[in-house]
Amino acid sequence: MKITAVRHGETEGNVLQITQSHAPGKLTRNGIEQAKNISLLLQDERFDVAYSSDLKRAFDTALIIMEKHANVELVRTPLLRERSLGLLDGRSYESVPSEFYNAADIDIRPPEGESLRDVRERLINLLN
């Protein structure tokens, strides 16, 4: 099995350096261009199915990429969402304590958010 993973294009939140986690996010013009460029890079790839996070920024990116693959099913799923930062969502990058980005401790969970272990379990469920 071959898996091709693509991150969503640049969003307004990325430009403002604001955490978005489960917020929908809106692609910037640059983000749309990034998706178009990836679409060109992947236009000759063969896909059996495509999966996207159900968040607007990711799904909008996937729609642009998959324009070159009109006959491929595009499945929208919350299992591919970014890690939820819970109560820390919507804050500036620099205001989020670094311990929540420490990959060495996959069990640390932001208040009302997800640990990296939680995210791993979501991804395993999707792959299974």
Foldseek 3Di string as FASTA:
>chain_A
DDDDDDDFFDFPCVVVQFAAQQAQTDHDPRRLVVLLVVLVVCLPPDDQAAEFEQRNRTVVSVVNSCVSVVPHHYHYHNLPTGWFLAPRGGHHNVVPDCVQVPPVDQQDHHVRTHGVVRNVVSVVVVVD
